[in-house]
Amino acid sequence: MANHKATRKDVRQSEKRRDRNRYYGKTTRNAIRDLRALTDAGQATGKLTDVASMIDKLAKRGVIHKNKAANLKSKLSKKVNSLSK
């Protein structure tokens, strides 16, 4: 364990950030799973915008890479578009 006061504070802050990032990541993964399970095109289209927004926020926060976010959104869009045909 660190001995400097500032380092102890940094450890506390990083633990809080880690927990917060894990929560946002898990919530987004659950939303993606639920979106992939949908079979109704109308519901899927409505949910896609919410999920895409969650993915963008993860990329903005640095939880996931921006290219991974783009790939996830692309795959989800293809899935939703295939439902409407």
N, C-alpha and C. Protein backbone atom coordinates (compact mmCIF):
# COMPACT_ATOMS: atom_id res chain seq x y z
N MET A 1 0.85 -1.19 0.00
CA MET A 1 0.00 0.00 0.00
C MET A 1 0.89 1.24 0.00
N ALA A 2 0.42 2.28 -0.66
CA ALA A 2 1.19 3.50 -0.79
C ALA A 2 1.25 4.25 0.55
N ASN A 3 2.31 5.01 0.73
CA ASN A 3 2.49 5.74 1.96
C ASN A 3 2.20 7.23 1.83
N HIS A 4 2.29 7.78 0.64
CA HIS A 4 2.04 9.19 0.47
C HIS A 4 0.54 9.46 0.46
N LYS A 5 0.18 10.59 1.03
CA LYS A 5 -1.23 10.95 1.15
C LYS A 5 -1.89 11.07 -0.23
N ALA A 6 -1.21 11.71 -1.16
CA ALA A 6 -1.77 11.90 -2.50
C ALA A 6 -1.93 10.56 -3.22
N THR A 7 -0.99 9.64 -2.99
CA THR A 7 -1.07 8.34 -3.65
C THR A 7 -2.22 7.52 -3.08
N ARG A 8 -2.44 7.64 -1.77
CA ARG A 8 -3.59 6.94 -1.18
C ARG A 8 -4.89 7.47 -1.77
N LYS A 9 -4.97 8.77 -1.94
CA LYS A 9 -6.16 9.38 -2.54
C LYS A 9 -6.34 8.89 -3.98
N ASP A 10 -5.25 8.81 -4.71
CA ASP A 10 -5.31 8.34 -6.10
C ASP A 10 -5.81 6.91 -6.17
N VAL A 11 -5.40 6.08 -5.21
CA VAL A 11 -5.85 4.69 -5.17
C VAL A 11 -7.36 4.65 -4.91
N ARG A 12 -7.82 5.48 -3.98
CA ARG A 12 -9.26 5.53 -3.69
C ARG A 12 -10.05 5.97 -4.92
N GLN A 13 -9.56 6.99 -5.59
CA GLN A 13 -10.25 7.50 -6.77
C GLN A 13 -10.29 6.48 -7.90
N SER A 14 -9.17 5.79 -8.09
CA SER A 14 -9.14 4.81 -9.17
C SER A 14 -10.06 3.64 -8.89
N GLU A 15 -10.23 3.27 -7.63
CA GLU A 15 -11.18 2.20 -7.28
C GLU A 15 -12.60 2.63 -7.59
N LYS A 16 -12.92 3.89 -7.27
CA LYS A 16 -14.26 4.39 -7.57
C LYS A 16 -14.51 4.43 -9.07
N ARG A 17 -13.50 4.90 -9.82
CA ARG A 17 -13.65 4.96 -11.28
C ARG A 17 -13.80 3.57 -11.87
N ARG A 18 -13.03 2.62 -11.34
CA ARG A 18 -13.09 1.25 -11.84
C ARG A 18 -14.48 0.66 -11.62
N ASP A 19 -15.02 0.86 -10.42
CA ASP A 19 -16.36 0.35 -10.14
C ASP A 19 -17.40 0.99 -11.05
N ARG A 20 -17.28 2.29 -11.25
CA ARG A 20 -18.22 3.01 -12.10
C ARG A 20 -18.13 2.51 -13.54
N ASN A 21 -16.90 2.35 -14.03
CA ASN A 21 -16.71 1.88 -15.40
C ASN A 21 -17.22 0.46 -15.58
N ARG A 22 -17.01 -0.39 -14.58
CA ARG A 22 -17.52 -1.76 -14.65
C ARG A 22 -19.04 -1.77 -14.69
N TYR A 23 -19.67 -0.90 -13.92
CA TYR A 23 -21.13 -0.82 -13.91
C TYR A 23 -21.65 -0.40 -15.28
N TYR A 24 -21.08 0.67 -15.84
CA TYR A 24 -21.53 1.14 -17.15
C TYR A 24 -21.29 0.09 -18.22
N GLY A 25 -20.16 -0.57 -18.16
CA GLY A 25 -19.85 -1.60 -19.15
C GLY A 25 -20.80 -2.77 -19.07
N LYS A 26 -21.08 -3.23 -17.87
CA LYS A 26 -21.98 -4.37 -17.69
C LYS A 26 -23.41 -4.00 -18.11
N THR A 27 -23.84 -2.80 -17.76
CA THR A 27 -25.18 -2.35 -18.14
C THR A 27 -25.32 -2.29 -19.66
N THR A 28 -24.29 -1.81 -20.31
CA THR A 28 -24.33 -1.73 -21.77
C THR A 28 -24.32 -3.12 -22.40
N ARG A 29 -23.49 -4.03 -21.86
CA ARG A 29 -23.48 -5.39 -22.40
C ARG A 29 -24.84 -6.06 -22.24
N ASN A 30 -25.52 -5.83 -21.12
CA ASN A 30 -26.86 -6.38 -20.93
C ASN A 30 -27.84 -5.80 -21.94
N ALA A 31 -27.74 -4.49 -22.21
CA ALA A 31 -28.62 -3.85 -23.18
C ALA A 31 -28.37 -4.41 -24.58
N ILE A 32 -27.11 -4.66 -24.91
CA ILE A 32 -26.78 -5.24 -26.22
C ILE A 32 -27.36 -6.65 -26.33
N ARG A 33 -27.23 -7.43 -25.27
CA ARG A 33 -27.78 -8.79 -25.25
C ARG A 33 -29.30 -8.75 -25.45
N ASP A 34 -29.98 -7.85 -24.76
CA ASP A 34 -31.43 -7.74 -24.89
C ASP A 34 -31.83 -7.31 -26.30
N LEU A 35 -31.05 -6.40 -26.89
CA LEU A 35 -31.35 -5.95 -28.26
C LEU A 35 -31.19 -7.09 -29.25
N ARG A 36 -30.14 -7.89 -29.08
CA ARG A 36 -29.94 -9.02 -30.01
C ARG A 36 -31.04 -10.06 -29.88
N ALA A 37 -31.67 -10.14 -28.71
CA ALA A 37 -32.72 -11.14 -28.49
C ALA A 37 -34.05 -10.73 -29.09
N LEU A 38 -34.22 -9.44 -29.40
CA LEU A 38 -35.50 -8.97 -29.93
C LEU A 38 -35.75 -9.51 -31.33
N THR A 39 -37.01 -9.79 -31.62
CA THR A 39 -37.39 -10.26 -32.94
C THR A 39 -38.33 -9.28 -33.65
N ASP A 40 -38.89 -8.33 -32.92
CA ASP A 40 -39.79 -7.34 -33.51
C ASP A 40 -38.98 -6.15 -34.02
N ALA A 41 -39.16 -5.81 -35.29
CA ALA A 41 -38.36 -4.75 -35.90
C ALA A 41 -38.63 -3.39 -35.27
N GLY A 42 -39.87 -3.12 -34.92
CA GLY A 42 -40.21 -1.82 -34.32
C GLY A 42 -39.54 -1.61 -32.98
N GLN A 43 -39.61 -2.61 -32.15
CA GLN A 43 -38.98 -2.51 -30.83
C GLN A 43 -37.46 -2.40 -30.98
N ALA A 44 -36.91 -3.19 -31.86
CA ALA A 44 -35.45 -3.20 -32.04
C ALA A 44 -34.96 -1.85 -32.53
N THR A 45 -35.69 -1.23 -33.44
CA THR A 45 -35.29 0.08 -33.96
C THR A 45 -35.29 1.12 -32.86
N GLY A 46 -36.32 1.08 -32.02
CA GLY A 46 -36.39 2.03 -30.91
C GLY A 46 -35.28 1.83 -29.90
N LYS A 47 -34.97 0.58 -29.63
CA LYS A 47 -33.93 0.28 -28.63
C LYS A 47 -32.53 0.53 -29.18
N LEU A 48 -32.37 0.44 -30.49
CA LEU A 48 -31.05 0.62 -31.10
C LEU A 48 -30.47 2.00 -30.79
N THR A 49 -31.28 3.03 -30.83
CA THR A 49 -30.78 4.38 -30.56
C THR A 49 -30.27 4.50 -29.13
N ASP A 50 -30.99 3.89 -28.18
CA ASP A 50 -30.57 3.94 -26.78
C ASP A 50 -29.25 3.19 -26.59
N VAL A 51 -29.15 2.01 -27.19
CA VAL A 51 -27.95 1.19 -27.03
C VAL A 51 -26.75 1.87 -27.71
N ALA A 52 -26.98 2.45 -28.88
CA ALA A 52 -25.89 3.14 -29.57
C ALA A 52 -25.38 4.32 -28.74
N SER A 53 -26.29 4.99 -28.06
CA SER A 53 -25.89 6.09 -27.19
C SER A 53 -25.06 5.59 -26.02
N MET A 54 -25.45 4.45 -25.45
CA MET A 54 -24.68 3.87 -24.34
C MET A 54 -23.28 3.48 -24.81
N ILE A 55 -23.19 2.91 -26.00
CA ILE A 55 -21.89 2.50 -26.54
C ILE A 55 -21.00 3.73 -26.77
N ASP A 56 -21.59 4.80 -27.32
CA ASP A 56 -20.83 6.02 -27.55
C ASP A 56 -20.29 6.60 -26.25
N LYS A 57 -21.09 6.54 -25.21
CA LYS A 57 -20.65 7.06 -23.90
C LYS A 57 -19.49 6.24 -23.35
N LEU A 58 -19.53 4.92 -23.55
CA LEU A 58 -18.41 4.09 -23.10
C LEU A 58 -17.13 4.48 -23.83
N ALA A 59 -17.24 4.72 -25.12
CA ALA A 59 -16.07 5.10 -25.90
C ALA A 59 -15.56 6.47 -25.47
N LYS A 60 -16.48 7.38 -25.19
CA LYS A 60 -16.09 8.73 -24.76
C LYS A 60 -15.36 8.68 -23.42
N ARG A 61 -15.82 7.82 -22.54
CA ARG A 61 -15.20 7.70 -21.22
C ARG A 61 -13.90 6.91 -21.25
N GLY A 62 -13.64 6.23 -22.37
CA GLY A 62 -12.42 5.46 -22.47
C GLY A 62 -12.54 4.05 -21.93
N VAL A 63 -13.77 3.59 -21.69
CA VAL A 63 -13.96 2.23 -21.19
C VAL A 63 -13.70 1.24 -22.31
N ILE A 64 -14.14 1.58 -23.53
CA ILE A 64 -13.85 0.77 -24.70
C ILE A 64 -13.23 1.68 -25.76
N HIS A 65 -12.54 1.07 -26.72
CA HIS A 65 -11.90 1.82 -27.80
C HIS A 65 -12.96 2.32 -28.77
N LYS A 66 -12.69 3.44 -29.43
CA LYS A 66 -13.68 4.02 -30.34
C LYS A 66 -13.94 3.10 -31.53
N ASN A 67 -12.94 2.35 -31.97
CA ASN A 67 -13.16 1.43 -33.10
C ASN A 67 -14.04 0.27 -32.67
N LYS A 68 -13.88 -0.20 -31.45
CA LYS A 68 -14.74 -1.26 -30.95
C LYS A 68 -16.18 -0.77 -30.87
N ALA A 69 -16.35 0.47 -30.45
CA ALA A 69 -17.70 1.06 -30.39
C ALA A 69 -18.32 1.10 -31.78
N ALA A 70 -17.53 1.50 -32.76
CA ALA A 70 -18.03 1.58 -34.13
C ALA A 70 -18.40 0.19 -34.65
N ASN A 71 -17.56 -0.80 -34.34
CA ASN A 71 -17.86 -2.16 -34.79
C ASN A 71 -19.12 -2.70 -34.13
N LEU A 72 -19.30 -2.45 -32.84
CA LEU A 72 -20.51 -2.91 -32.14
C LEU A 72 -21.75 -2.28 -32.76
N LYS A 73 -21.70 -0.97 -32.97
CA LYS A 73 -22.87 -0.28 -33.53
C LYS A 73 -23.18 -0.78 -34.93
N SER A 74 -22.14 -1.05 -35.71
CA SER A 74 -22.34 -1.53 -37.07
C SER A 74 -23.02 -2.90 -37.07
N LYS A 75 -22.53 -3.80 -36.22
CA LYS A 75 -23.12 -5.14 -36.15
C LYS A 75 -24.56 -5.09 -35.67
N LEU A 76 -24.83 -4.23 -34.69
CA LEU A 76 -26.20 -4.13 -34.19
C LEU A 76 -27.13 -3.53 -35.24
N SER A 77 -26.63 -2.56 -36.00
CA SER A 77 -27.44 -1.97 -37.06
C SER A 77 -27.78 -2.99 -38.13
N LYS A 78 -26.79 -3.81 -38.51
CA LYS A 78 -27.05 -4.86 -39.49
C LYS A 78 -28.10 -5.84 -38.98
N LYS A 79 -28.01 -6.18 -37.70
CA LYS A 79 -28.98 -7.11 -37.10
C LYS A 79 -30.39 -6.53 -37.14
N VAL A 80 -30.52 -5.26 -36.75
CA VAL A 80 -31.84 -4.62 -36.73
C VAL A 80 -32.39 -4.46 -38.14
N ASN A 81 -31.51 -4.11 -39.09
CA ASN A 81 -31.96 -3.95 -40.47
C ASN A 81 -32.41 -5.29 -41.07
N SER A 82 -31.79 -6.39 -40.66
CA SER A 82 -32.19 -7.69 -41.18
C SER A 82 -33.56 -8.10 -40.64
N LEU A 83 -33.93 -7.58 -39.47
CA LEU A 83 -35.25 -7.90 -38.92
C LEU A 83 -36.36 -7.24 -39.72
N SER A 84 -36.10 -6.05 -40.23
CA SER A 84 -37.15 -5.31 -40.92
C SER A 84 -37.43 -5.83 -42.31
N LYS A 85 -36.58 -6.73 -42.84
CA LYS A 85 -36.80 -7.24 -44.20
C LYS A 85 -37.71 -8.45 -44.20
